[in-house]
C-alpha cells in the first residue's frame, strides 16, 4: 500500500513538473509573439506618420499649382 502511494506521488510529481515546464515555455512563446506584434505595430505607426507628413507636403505644393490649388491667396 505504501509503495503504491509513493509511486503515485512520484507520478503526480512528474506530471505536475512537466505541466509547469510546458506552461512556462508556452508563456515565453506568447511573450515573444506579443513583442513581435508590438514592434510591427510601431513600424506601422511610424509609416503612417511618414505618409501623413508626405501628404501634407504634397498638399502644400498642390495649393501653389494652377488648376489644382484653386484661388491663390
C-alpha atoms as a PDB file:
ATOM      1  CA  UNK A   1       0.000   0.000   0.000  1.00  0.00           C
ATOM      2  CA  UNK A   2       2.740   2.456   0.945  1.00  0.00           C
ATOM      3  CA  UNK A   3       4.806   1.710  -2.148  1.00  0.00           C
ATOM      4  CA  UNK A   4       1.728   2.369  -4.296  1.00  0.00           C
ATOM      5  CA  UNK A   5       1.277   5.784  -2.684  1.00  0.00           C
ATOM      6  CA  UNK A   6       4.948   6.589  -3.184  1.00  0.00           C
ATOM      7  CA  UNK A   7       4.696   5.591  -6.842  1.00  0.00           C
ATOM      8  CA  UNK A   8       1.513   7.663  -7.237  1.00  0.00           C
ATOM      9  CA  UNK A   9       3.182  10.647  -5.552  1.00  0.00           C
ATOM     10  CA  UNK A  10       6.190  10.320  -7.842  1.00  0.00           C
ATOM     11  CA  UNK A  11       3.985  10.062 -10.943  1.00  0.00           C
ATOM     12  CA  UNK A  12       1.947  13.108  -9.898  1.00  0.00           C
ATOM     13  CA  UNK A  13       5.166  14.995  -9.210  1.00  0.00           C
ATOM     14  CA  UNK A  14       6.462  14.212 -12.698  1.00  0.00           C
ATOM     15  CA  UNK A  15       3.168  15.201 -14.308  1.00  0.00           C
ATOM     16  CA  UNK A  16       2.988  18.451 -12.335  1.00  0.00           C
ATOM     17  CA  UNK A  17       6.557  19.439 -13.154  1.00  0.00           C
ATOM     18  CA  UNK A  18       6.056  18.587 -16.832  1.00  0.00           C
ATOM     19  CA  UNK A  19       2.930  20.720 -16.964  1.00  0.00           C
ATOM     20  CA  UNK A  20       4.781  23.563 -15.259  1.00  0.00           C
ATOM     21  CA  UNK A  21       7.569  23.426 -17.851  1.00  0.00           C
ATOM     22  CA  UNK A  22       5.039  23.319 -20.706  1.00  0.00           C
ATOM     23  CA  UNK A  23       3.158  26.310 -19.298  1.00  0.00           C
ATOM     24  CA  UNK A  24       6.415  28.217 -18.835  1.00  0.00           C
ATOM     25  CA  UNK A  25       7.526  27.547 -22.420  1.00  0.00           C
ATOM     26  CA  UNK A  26       4.078  28.490 -23.743  1.00  0.00           C
ATOM     27  CA  UNK A  27       4.161  31.755 -21.756  1.00  0.00           C
ATOM     28  CA  UNK A  28       7.601  32.638 -23.098  1.00  0.00           C
ATOM     29  CA  UNK A  29       6.489  31.956 -26.667  1.00  0.00           C
ATOM     30  CA  UNK A  30       3.404  34.120 -26.182  1.00  0.00           C
ATOM     31  CA  UNK A  31       5.507  36.967 -24.789  1.00  0.00           C
ATOM     32  CA  UNK A  32       7.862  36.715 -27.756  1.00  0.00           C
ATOM     33  CA  UNK A  33       4.931  36.836 -30.178  1.00  0.00           C
ATOM     34  CA  UNK A  34       3.459  39.823 -28.352  1.00  0.00           C
ATOM     35  CA  UNK A  35       6.829  41.587 -28.602  1.00  0.00           C
ATOM     36  CA  UNK A  36       6.955  40.949 -32.361  1.00  0.00           C
ATOM     37  CA  UNK A  37       3.394  42.237 -32.726  1.00  0.00           C
ATOM     38  CA  UNK A  38       4.167  45.407 -30.792  1.00  0.00           C
ATOM     39  CA  UNK A  39       7.268  46.064 -32.903  1.00  0.00           C
ATOM     40  CA  UNK A  40       5.237  45.554 -36.065  1.00  0.00           C
ATOM     41  CA  UNK A  41       2.566  47.972 -34.846  1.00  0.00           C
ATOM     42  CA  UNK A  42       5.230  50.559 -34.015  1.00  0.00           C
ATOM     43  CA  UNK A  43       6.642  50.271 -37.535  1.00  0.00           C
ATOM     44  CA  UNK A  44       3.144  50.670 -38.977  1.00  0.00           C
ATOM     45  CA  UNK A  45       2.515  53.755 -36.867  1.00  0.00           C
ATOM     46  CA  UNK A  46       5.810  55.273 -37.995  1.00  0.00           C
ATOM     47  CA  UNK A  47       4.914  54.504 -41.600  1.00  0.00           C
ATOM     48  CA  UNK A  48       1.530  56.183 -41.206  1.00  0.00           C
ATOM     49  CA  UNK A  49       3.186  59.220 -39.641  1.00  0.00           C
ATOM     50  CA  UNK A  50       5.657  59.431 -42.521  1.00  0.00           C
ATOM     51  CA  UNK A  51       2.817  59.111 -45.046  1.00  0.00           C
ATOM     52  CA  UNK A  52       0.867  61.881 -43.328  1.00  0.00           C
ATOM     53  CA  UNK A  53       3.895  64.168 -43.491  1.00  0.00           C
ATOM     54  CA  UNK A  54       4.329  63.378 -47.201  1.00  0.00           C
ATOM     55  CA  UNK A  55       0.664  64.107 -47.917  1.00  0.00           C
ATOM     56  CA  UNK A  56       0.947  67.376 -46.027  1.00  0.00           C
ATOM     57  CA  UNK A  57       3.950  68.376 -48.146  1.00  0.00           C
ATOM     58  CA  UNK A  58       2.140  67.416 -51.347  1.00  0.00           C
ATOM     59  CA  UNK A  59      -0.976  69.418 -50.439  1.00  0.00           C
ATOM     60  CA  UNK A  60       1.217  72.432 -49.717  1.00  0.00           C
ATOM     61  CA  UNK A  61       2.772  72.118 -53.176  1.00  0.00           C
ATOM     62  CA  UNK A  62      -0.612  71.447 -54.810  1.00  0.00           C
ATOM     63  CA  UNK A  63      -2.013  74.728 -53.451  1.00  0.00           C
ATOM     64  CA  UNK A  64       0.628  76.612 -55.430  1.00  0.00           C
ATOM     65  CA  UNK A  65      -0.071  74.880 -58.749  1.00  0.00           C
ATOM     66  CA  UNK A  66      -2.657  76.438 -61.067  1.00  0.00           C
ATOM     67  CA  UNK A  67      -5.854  74.476 -61.768  1.00  0.00           C
ATOM     68  CA  UNK A  68      -5.220  72.362 -58.683  1.00  0.00           C
ATOM     69  CA  UNK A  69      -4.884  74.701 -55.765  1.00  0.00           C
ATOM     70  CA  UNK A  70      -7.843  76.888 -56.507  1.00  0.00           C
ATOM     71  CA  UNK A  71      -7.573  80.566 -55.749  1.00  0.00           C
ATOM     72  CA  UNK A  72      -4.157  81.723 -54.645  1.00  0.00           C
ATOM     73  CA  UNK A  73      -4.345  83.829 -51.549  1.00  0.00           C
END
